[in-house]
C-alpha atoms as a PDB file:
ATOM      1  CA  UNK A   1       0.097  -0.049  -0.095  1.00  0.00           C
ATOM      2  CA  UNK A   2       1.184   3.531  -0.390  1.00  0.00           C
ATOM      3  CA  UNK A   3       0.187   4.619   2.725  1.00  0.00           C
ATOM      4  CA  UNK A   4      -0.964   3.783   6.277  1.00  0.00           C
ATOM      5  CA  UNK A   5      -3.599   1.261   6.584  1.00  0.00           C
ATOM      6  CA  UNK A   6      -6.610   2.339   8.596  1.00  0.00           C
ATOM      7  CA  UNK A   7     -10.085   0.530   9.440  1.00  0.00           C
ATOM      8  CA  UNK A   8     -10.203  -2.777   7.651  1.00  0.00           C
ATOM      9  CA  UNK A   9     -13.015  -5.198   6.738  1.00  0.00           C
ATOM     10  CA  UNK A  10     -13.302  -8.781   5.150  1.00  0.00           C
ATOM     11  CA  UNK A  11     -15.654 -10.401   3.064  1.00  0.00           C
ATOM     12  CA  UNK A  12     -16.795 -10.910  -0.657  1.00  0.00           C
ATOM     13  CA  UNK A  13     -13.673 -12.326  -1.543  1.00  0.00           C
ATOM     14  CA  UNK A  14     -11.605  -9.611  -0.540  1.00  0.00           C
ATOM     15  CA  UNK A  15     -10.195  -7.411   2.577  1.00  0.00           C
ATOM     16  CA  UNK A  16     -11.111  -3.947   2.156  1.00  0.00           C
ATOM     17  CA  UNK A  17      -8.909  -1.003   3.819  1.00  0.00           C
ATOM     18  CA  UNK A  18      -8.928   2.582   4.153  1.00  0.00           C
ATOM     19  CA  UNK A  19      -5.149   4.133   3.441  1.00  0.00           C
ATOM     20  CA  UNK A  20      -4.284   7.743   4.386  1.00  0.00           C
ATOM     21  CA  UNK A  21      -4.496  10.076   6.709  1.00  0.00           C
ATOM     22  CA  UNK A  22      -7.013  12.827   5.697  1.00  0.00           C
ATOM     23  CA  UNK A  23     -10.061  13.281   3.813  1.00  0.00           C
ATOM     24  CA  UNK A  24      -8.371  14.708   0.896  1.00  0.00           C
ATOM     25  CA  UNK A  25      -6.113  11.959   0.738  1.00  0.00           C
ATOM     26  CA  UNK A  26      -7.936   8.536   1.886  1.00  0.00           C
ATOM     27  CA  UNK A  27      -8.724   6.195  -0.620  1.00  0.00           C
ATOM     28  CA  UNK A  28     -10.418   2.475  -0.434  1.00  0.00           C
ATOM     29  CA  UNK A  29      -8.170  -0.330  -1.093  1.00  0.00           C
ATOM     30  CA  UNK A  30      -9.717  -3.911  -2.445  1.00  0.00           C
ATOM     31  CA  UNK A  31      -7.064  -6.681  -1.718  1.00  0.00           C
ATOM     32  CA  UNK A  32      -7.998  -9.903  -3.624  1.00  0.00           C
ATOM     33  CA  UNK A  33      -8.283 -12.595  -1.036  1.00  0.00           C
ATOM     34  CA  UNK A  34      -6.900 -15.291  -3.370  1.00  0.00           C
ATOM     35  CA  UNK A  35      -4.248 -13.412  -5.470  1.00  0.00           C
ATOM     36  CA  UNK A  36      -3.428 -11.160  -2.766  1.00  0.00           C
ATOM     37  CA  UNK A  37      -3.243  -8.403  -5.589  1.00  0.00           C
ATOM     38  CA  UNK A  38      -4.014  -4.611  -3.876  1.00  0.00           C
ATOM     39  CA  UNK A  39      -6.196  -2.170  -5.812  1.00  0.00           C
ATOM     40  CA  UNK A  40      -6.711   1.192  -5.160  1.00  0.00           C
ATOM     41  CA  UNK A  41     -10.291   2.640  -5.982  1.00  0.00           C
ATOM     42  CA  UNK A  42      -9.735   6.303  -6.927  1.00  0.00           C
ATOM     43  CA  UNK A  43     -13.561   6.852  -6.982  1.00  0.00           C
ATOM     44  CA  UNK A  44     -13.655   6.434  -3.153  1.00  0.00           C
ATOM     45  CA  UNK A  45     -11.372   9.546  -2.151  1.00  0.00           C
ATOM     46  CA  UNK A  46     -12.556  10.694   1.136  1.00  0.00           C
ATOM     47  CA  UNK A  47     -13.105   7.139   2.413  1.00  0.00           C
ATOM     48  CA  UNK A  48     -13.340   6.409   5.954  1.00  0.00           C
ATOM     49  CA  UNK A  49     -14.843   3.062   7.716  1.00  0.00           C
ATOM     50  CA  UNK A  50     -15.540   0.067   5.334  1.00  0.00           C
ATOM     51  CA  UNK A  51     -18.048  -2.707   5.686  1.00  0.00           C
ATOM     52  CA  UNK A  52     -18.779  -5.765   3.965  1.00  0.00           C
ATOM     53  CA  UNK A  53     -22.218  -7.285   3.957  1.00  0.00           C
ATOM     54  CA  UNK A  54     -25.934  -7.668   2.315  1.00  0.00           C
ATOM     55  CA  UNK A  55     -24.198  -8.574  -0.734  1.00  0.00           C
ATOM     56  CA  UNK A  56     -21.932  -5.384  -1.213  1.00  0.00           C
ATOM     57  CA  UNK A  57     -19.148  -3.632   0.195  1.00  0.00           C
ATOM     58  CA  UNK A  58     -19.670  -0.342   1.687  1.00  0.00           C
ATOM     59  CA  UNK A  59     -17.514   2.772   2.978  1.00  0.00           C
ATOM     60  CA  UNK A  60     -18.413   5.963   4.490  1.00  0.00           C
ATOM     61  CA  UNK A  61     -17.153   9.085   2.761  1.00  0.00           C
ATOM     62  CA  UNK A  62     -16.601  12.913   3.564  1.00  0.00           C
ATOM     63  CA  UNK A  63     -15.476  16.052   1.931  1.00  0.00           C
ATOM     64  CA  UNK A  64     -17.343  18.335  -0.426  1.00  0.00           C
ATOM     65  CA  UNK A  65     -14.446  18.461  -3.078  1.00  0.00           C
ATOM     66  CA  UNK A  66     -14.428  14.624  -2.951  1.00  0.00           C
ATOM     67  CA  UNK A  67     -16.454  12.255  -5.501  1.00  0.00           C
ATOM     68  CA  UNK A  68     -19.020  11.831  -2.862  1.00  0.00           C
ATOM     69  CA  UNK A  69     -19.599  15.283  -2.435  1.00  0.00           C
ATOM     70  CA  UNK A  70     -20.153  15.250   1.336  1.00  0.00           C
ATOM     71  CA  UNK A  71     -21.110  13.160   4.151  1.00  0.00           C
ATOM     72  CA  UNK A  72     -22.323   9.824   2.416  1.00  0.00           C
ATOM     73  CA  UNK A  73     -21.825   6.387   2.268  1.00  0.00           C
ATOM     74  CA  UNK A  74     -20.608   4.532  -1.014  1.00  0.00           C
ATOM     75  CA  UNK A  75     -22.217   1.318  -2.116  1.00  0.00           C
ATOM     76  CA  UNK A  76     -19.314  -0.933  -4.009  1.00  0.00           C
ATOM     77  CA  UNK A  77     -19.467  -4.017  -6.429  1.00  0.00           C
ATOM     78  CA  UNK A  78     -17.582  -6.114  -4.512  1.00  0.00           C
ATOM     79  CA  UNK A  79     -15.590  -7.865  -7.226  1.00  0.00           C
ATOM     80  CA  UNK A  80     -14.611  -4.627  -9.149  1.00  0.00           C
ATOM     81  CA  UNK A  81     -14.766  -1.864  -6.645  1.00  0.00           C
ATOM     82  CA  UNK A  82     -17.070   0.226  -8.820  1.00  0.00           C
ATOM     83  CA  UNK A  83     -19.126   2.541  -6.887  1.00  0.00           C
ATOM     84  CA  UNK A  84     -22.901   1.682  -7.579  1.00  0.00           C
ATOM     85  CA  UNK A  85     -24.728   4.225  -5.576  1.00  0.00           C
ATOM     86  CA  UNK A  86     -23.747   7.327  -3.283  1.00  0.00           C
ATOM     87  CA  UNK A  87     -26.192   7.478  -0.335  1.00  0.00           C
ATOM     88  CA  UNK A  88     -26.105  11.016   1.330  1.00  0.00           C
ATOM     89  CA  UNK A  89     -26.263  11.606   4.868  1.00  0.00           C
ATOM     90  CA  UNK A  90     -27.767  14.378   7.024  1.00  0.00           C
ATOM     91  CA  UNK A  91     -24.602  14.322   9.453  1.00  0.00           C
ATOM     92  CA  UNK A  92     -20.697  13.604   9.499  1.00  0.00           C
ATOM     93  CA  UNK A  93     -20.261   9.668   9.387  1.00  0.00           C
ATOM     94  CA  UNK A  94     -18.227   7.861  12.220  1.00  0.00           C
ATOM     95  CA  UNK A  95     -18.442   3.682  12.028  1.00  0.00           C
ATOM     96  CA  UNK A  96     -20.732   1.467   9.615  1.00  0.00           C
ATOM     97  CA  UNK A  97     -21.777  -2.026  10.013  1.00  0.00           C
ATOM     98  CA  UNK A  98     -24.067  -4.467   8.068  1.00  0.00           C
ATOM     99  CA  UNK A  99     -26.702  -6.775   9.357  1.00  0.00           C
ATOM    100  CA  UNK A 100     -30.556  -7.506   9.887  1.00  0.00           C
ATOM    101  CA  UNK A 101     -31.149  -6.610   6.064  1.00  0.00           C
ATOM    102  CA  UNK A 102     -29.563  -3.009   6.492  1.00  0.00           C
ATOM    103  CA  UNK A 103     -26.576  -0.857   6.484  1.00  0.00           C
ATOM    104  CA  UNK A 104     -25.839   0.957   9.998  1.00  0.00           C
ATOM    105  CA  UNK A 105     -24.001   4.279  10.391  1.00  0.00           C
ATOM    106  CA  UNK A 106     -23.361   6.364  13.561  1.00  0.00           C
ATOM    107  CA  UNK A 107     -23.360   9.914  13.028  1.00  0.00           C
ATOM    108  CA  UNK A 108     -22.504  12.889  15.595  1.00  0.00           C
ATOM    109  CA  UNK A 109     -26.093  13.029  16.674  1.00  0.00           C
ATOM    110  CA  UNK A 110     -27.768   9.758  15.761  1.00  0.00           C
ATOM    111  CA  UNK A 111     -27.907   6.276  14.104  1.00  0.00           C
ATOM    112  CA  UNK A 112     -28.816   6.170  10.267  1.00  0.00           C
ATOM    113  CA  UNK A 113     -30.590   3.034   9.106  1.00  0.00           C
ATOM    114  CA  UNK A 114     -29.893   2.639   5.022  1.00  0.00           C
ATOM    115  CA  UNK A 115     -31.821   0.326   2.867  1.00  0.00           C
ATOM    116  CA  UNK A 116     -29.122  -1.507   0.653  1.00  0.00           C
ATOM    117  CA  UNK A 117     -31.682  -2.186  -2.355  1.00  0.00           C
ATOM    118  CA  UNK A 118     -33.484   1.300  -2.630  1.00  0.00           C
ATOM    119  CA  UNK A 119     -30.124   3.000  -1.585  1.00  0.00           C
ATOM    120  CA  UNK A 120     -31.338   5.571   0.719  1.00  0.00           C
ATOM    121  CA  UNK A 121     -31.801   6.540   4.674  1.00  0.00           C
ATOM    122  CA  UNK A 122     -34.791   4.750   5.643  1.00  0.00           C
ATOM    123  CA  UNK A 123     -34.713   6.107   9.029  1.00  0.00           C
ATOM    124  CA  UNK A 124     -32.359   8.340  11.744  1.00  0.00           C
ATOM    125  CA  UNK A 125     -32.943   7.476  15.236  1.00  0.00           C
ATOM    126  CA  UNK A 126     -31.546   9.861  17.600  1.00  0.00           C
ATOM    127  CA  UNK A 127     -28.812   9.156  20.292  1.00  0.00           C
ATOM    128  CA  UNK A 128     -24.967   9.503  20.826  1.00  0.00           C
ATOM    129  CA  UNK A 129     -23.541   6.677  19.329  1.00  0.00           C
ATOM    130  CA  UNK A 130     -20.138   5.800  18.345  1.00  0.00           C
ATOM    131  CA  UNK A 131     -19.172   2.293  17.616  1.00  0.00           C
ATOM    132  CA  UNK A 132     -21.833  -0.265  16.068  1.00  0.00           C
ATOM    133  CA  UNK A 133     -22.556  -3.615  15.000  1.00  0.00           C
ATOM    134  CA  UNK A 134     -25.410  -6.125  14.979  1.00  0.00           C
ATOM    135  CA  UNK A 135     -26.275  -9.256  17.065  1.00  0.00           C
ATOM    136  CA  UNK A 136     -28.791 -11.594  18.536  1.00  0.00           C
ATOM    137  CA  UNK A 137     -31.509  -9.731  16.117  1.00  0.00           C
ATOM    138  CA  UNK A 138     -30.523  -6.128  17.770  1.00  0.00           C
ATOM    139  CA  UNK A 139     -28.263  -3.209  16.756  1.00  0.00           C
ATOM    140  CA  UNK A 140     -25.541  -2.872  19.421  1.00  0.00           C
ATOM    141  CA  UNK A 141     -23.335   0.501  19.751  1.00  0.00           C
ATOM    142  CA  UNK A 142     -21.067   2.041  22.090  1.00  0.00           C
ATOM    143  CA  UNK A 143     -21.382   5.770  23.454  1.00  0.00           C
ATOM    144  CA  UNK A 144     -18.695   8.200  24.992  1.00  0.00           C
ATOM    145  CA  UNK A 145     -21.296  10.714  26.956  1.00  0.00           C
ATOM    146  CA  UNK A 146     -22.089   8.659  28.813  1.00  0.00           C
ATOM    147  CA  UNK A 147     -19.932   5.682  28.841  1.00  0.00           C
ATOM    148  CA  UNK A 148     -22.427   2.902  27.800  1.00  0.00           C
ATOM    149  CA  UNK A 149     -23.156  -0.149  25.513  1.00  0.00           C
ATOM    150  CA  UNK A 150     -26.756   0.217  23.930  1.00  0.00           C
ATOM    151  CA  UNK A 151     -29.016  -2.410  22.641  1.00  0.00           C
ATOM    152  CA  UNK A 152     -31.440  -1.065  20.087  1.00  0.00           C
ATOM    153  CA  UNK A 153     -34.392  -2.209  18.556  1.00  0.00           C
ATOM    154  CA  UNK A 154     -33.800  -2.353  14.770  1.00  0.00           C
ATOM    155  CA  UNK A 155     -37.218  -1.475  13.793  1.00  0.00           C
ATOM    156  CA  UNK A 156     -38.099   1.424  16.033  1.00  0.00           C
ATOM    157  CA  UNK A 157     -34.680   2.729  17.268  1.00  0.00           C
ATOM    158  CA  UNK A 158     -35.913   2.466  20.952  1.00  0.00           C
ATOM    159  CA  UNK A 159     -33.185   1.500  23.436  1.00  0.00           C
ATOM    160  CA  UNK A 160     -33.967  -1.688  24.860  1.00  0.00           C
ATOM    161  CA  UNK A 161     -31.098  -2.254  27.208  1.00  0.00           C
ATOM    162  CA  UNK A 162     -27.838  -0.478  28.242  1.00  0.00           C
ATOM    163  CA  UNK A 163     -24.712  -1.493  30.251  1.00  0.00           C
ATOM    164  CA  UNK A 164     -22.584   0.742  32.198  1.00  0.00           C
ATOM    165  CA  UNK A 165     -19.152  -0.651  31.617  1.00  0.00           C
ATOM    166  CA  UNK A 166     -16.974   1.876  31.667  1.00  0.00           C
ATOM    167  CA  UNK A 167     -15.257   3.751  28.549  1.00  0.00           C
ATOM    168  CA  UNK A 168     -15.979   1.465  25.720  1.00  0.00           C
ATOM    169  CA  UNK A 169     -12.816   1.724  23.282  1.00  0.00           C
ATOM    170  CA  UNK A 170     -12.925  -1.510  21.130  1.00  0.00           C
ATOM    171  CA  UNK A 171     -15.927  -3.532  20.279  1.00  0.00           C
ATOM    172  CA  UNK A 172     -16.842  -6.268  18.163  1.00  0.00           C
ATOM    173  CA  UNK A 173     -20.538  -7.765  17.374  1.00  0.00           C
ATOM    174  CA  UNK A 174     -21.108 -11.304  16.270  1.00  0.00           C
ATOM    175  CA  UNK A 175     -24.236 -13.421  15.881  1.00  0.00           C
ATOM    176  CA  UNK A 176     -24.840 -14.212  19.471  1.00  0.00           C
ATOM    177  CA  UNK A 177     -22.423 -12.295  21.429  1.00  0.00           C
ATOM    178  CA  UNK A 178     -21.144  -8.722  21.808  1.00  0.00           C
ATOM    179  CA  UNK A 179     -17.414  -8.192  22.975  1.00  0.00           C
ATOM    180  CA  UNK A 180     -16.408  -4.897  24.775  1.00  0.00           C
ATOM    181  CA  UNK A 181     -13.049  -3.566  25.852  1.00  0.00           C
ATOM    182  CA  UNK A 182     -12.457  -0.464  28.109  1.00  0.00           C
ATOM    183  CA  UNK A 183      -9.657   1.774  27.964  1.00  0.00           C
ATOM    184  CA  UNK A 184      -9.969   4.016  31.140  1.00  0.00           C
ATOM    185  CA  UNK A 185      -7.435   2.556  33.458  1.00  0.00           C
ATOM    186  CA  UNK A 186      -5.010   5.220  33.215  1.00  0.00           C
ATOM    187  CA  UNK A 187      -7.513   7.915  34.369  1.00  0.00           C
ATOM    188  CA  UNK A 188      -8.887   5.925  37.144  1.00  0.00           C
ATOM    189  CA  UNK A 189      -7.937   6.371  40.554  1.00  0.00           C
ATOM    190  CA  UNK A 190      -8.368   2.795  41.883  1.00  0.00           C
ATOM    191  CA  UNK A 191      -5.312   1.363  39.688  1.00  0.00           C
ATOM    192  CA  UNK A 192      -7.544  -1.068  37.982  1.00  0.00           C
ATOM    193  CA  UNK A 193      -6.745  -2.874  34.765  1.00  0.00           C
ATOM    194  CA  UNK A 194      -8.717  -2.497  31.331  1.00  0.00           C
ATOM    195  CA  UNK A 195     -11.460  -5.181  31.236  1.00  0.00           C
ATOM    196  CA  UNK A 196     -12.855  -7.171  28.554  1.00  0.00           C
ATOM    197  CA  UNK A 197     -16.325  -7.918  28.890  1.00  0.00           C
ATOM    198  CA  UNK A 198     -18.463 -10.571  26.865  1.00  0.00           C
ATOM    199  CA  UNK A 199     -22.403  -9.861  26.666  1.00  0.00           C
ATOM    200  CA  UNK A 200     -25.241 -12.236  25.638  1.00  0.00           C
ATOM    201  CA  UNK A 201     -26.736 -10.518  22.795  1.00  0.00           C
ATOM    202  CA  UNK A 202     -29.887 -12.190  23.441  1.00  0.00           C
ATOM    203  CA  UNK A 203     -30.196 -11.059  26.964  1.00  0.00           C
ATOM    204  CA  UNK A 204     -27.759  -8.394  27.407  1.00  0.00           C
ATOM    205  CA  UNK A 205     -26.649  -9.884  30.233  1.00  0.00           C
ATOM    206  CA  UNK A 206     -22.607  -9.800  30.909  1.00  0.00           C
ATOM    207  CA  UNK A 207     -21.807 -13.291  30.971  1.00  0.00           C
ATOM    208  CA  UNK A 208     -17.998 -12.833  31.244  1.00  0.00           C
ATOM    209  CA  UNK A 209     -15.406 -10.055  32.575  1.00  0.00           C
ATOM    210  CA  UNK A 210     -11.856 -10.677  32.307  1.00  0.00           C
ATOM    211  CA  UNK A 211      -8.611  -8.326  32.932  1.00  0.00           C
ATOM    212  CA  UNK A 212      -7.089  -7.140  29.707  1.00  0.00           C
ATOM    213  CA  UNK A 213      -3.467  -6.132  29.764  1.00  0.00           C
ATOM    214  CA  UNK A 214      -4.245  -3.479  26.991  1.00  0.00           C
ATOM    215  CA  UNK A 215      -6.895  -2.745  24.282  1.00  0.00           C
ATOM    216  CA  UNK A 216      -6.803  -3.064  20.697  1.00  0.00           C
ATOM    217  CA  UNK A 217      -8.897  -3.902  17.673  1.00  0.00           C
ATOM    218  CA  UNK A 218     -11.105  -7.423  18.060  1.00  0.00           C
ATOM    219  CA  UNK A 219     -12.339  -9.625  15.452  1.00  0.00           C
ATOM    220  CA  UNK A 220     -14.263 -12.980  15.867  1.00  0.00           C
ATOM    221  CA  UNK A 221     -13.138 -15.679  13.534  1.00  0.00           C
ATOM    222  CA  UNK A 222     -15.125 -19.064  13.823  1.00  0.00           C
ATOM    223  CA  UNK A 223     -15.503 -19.594  17.731  1.00  0.00           C
ATOM    224  CA  UNK A 224     -12.507 -17.632  18.701  1.00  0.00           C
ATOM    225  CA  UNK A 225     -11.912 -14.103  19.529  1.00  0.00           C
ATOM    226  CA  UNK A 226      -8.912 -12.063  18.379  1.00  0.00           C
ATOM    227  CA  UNK A 227      -7.425  -9.188  20.317  1.00  0.00           C
ATOM    228  CA  UNK A 228      -4.690  -6.843  19.272  1.00  0.00           C
ATOM    229  CA  UNK A 229      -2.816  -5.903  22.197  1.00  0.00           C
ATOM    230  CA  UNK A 230       0.373  -3.470  22.638  1.00  0.00           C
ATOM    231  CA  UNK A 231       2.206  -3.907  25.756  1.00  0.00           C
ATOM    232  CA  UNK A 232       4.841  -1.455  26.701  1.00  0.00           C
ATOM    233  CA  UNK A 233       8.088  -3.119  26.821  1.00  0.00           C
ATOM    234  CA  UNK A 234      10.339  -2.751  29.891  1.00  0.00           C
ATOM    235  CA  UNK A 235      14.012  -1.891  29.816  1.00  0.00           C
ATOM    236  CA  UNK A 236      15.061  -5.328  31.420  1.00  0.00           C
ATOM    237  CA  UNK A 237      12.984  -7.373  28.761  1.00  0.00           C
ATOM    238  CA  UNK A 238      14.951  -8.376  25.482  1.00  0.00           C
END
């Protein structure tokens, strides 16, 4: 790649990663899963977070001088990377996920539900949300103000449950489980460690909490959870 890779998603025969450090430079790259050949998609300048699902690849986009012409989501052909549709958003997008027959995008002041077939925003649910995913028939999001994890009805946008787990920095939602890692140990006065929490997506109950040396991006692969961890090296360790 010709720059630092940022958010990455995988599916539909490829890995998709946004590369760059600003919305005037960021481009989405498609890396073929079989040939491992990287392909830059110039039609995606302004790319942010990618997602794969509902039969297509998707990526958030910003920048009025970019091909997307402002806050939006691009619907991409998963084989060629061609832009099939540009869906305008009312606000700046943050995270994106697919599932339950829709595409979900968190924005500064809400959660947008996109119809992948009609290629439009079908609803905007008010709330202060950041990361997003689907599991157990519901939409799951995190929030920074206050620090919570929310379970949301995908039809009405109503908050079904919320959990106070601390500052949720990394997040992964699979079919039946939601995983959340905190990142507020450094600012707490009790000297505690970061925590990894496992939530039953059907009951919204925390079924496991374990200490975590450091938080990082998380992905489910089969029945296993993979967590990236960066532990500070000590001078006496080689």
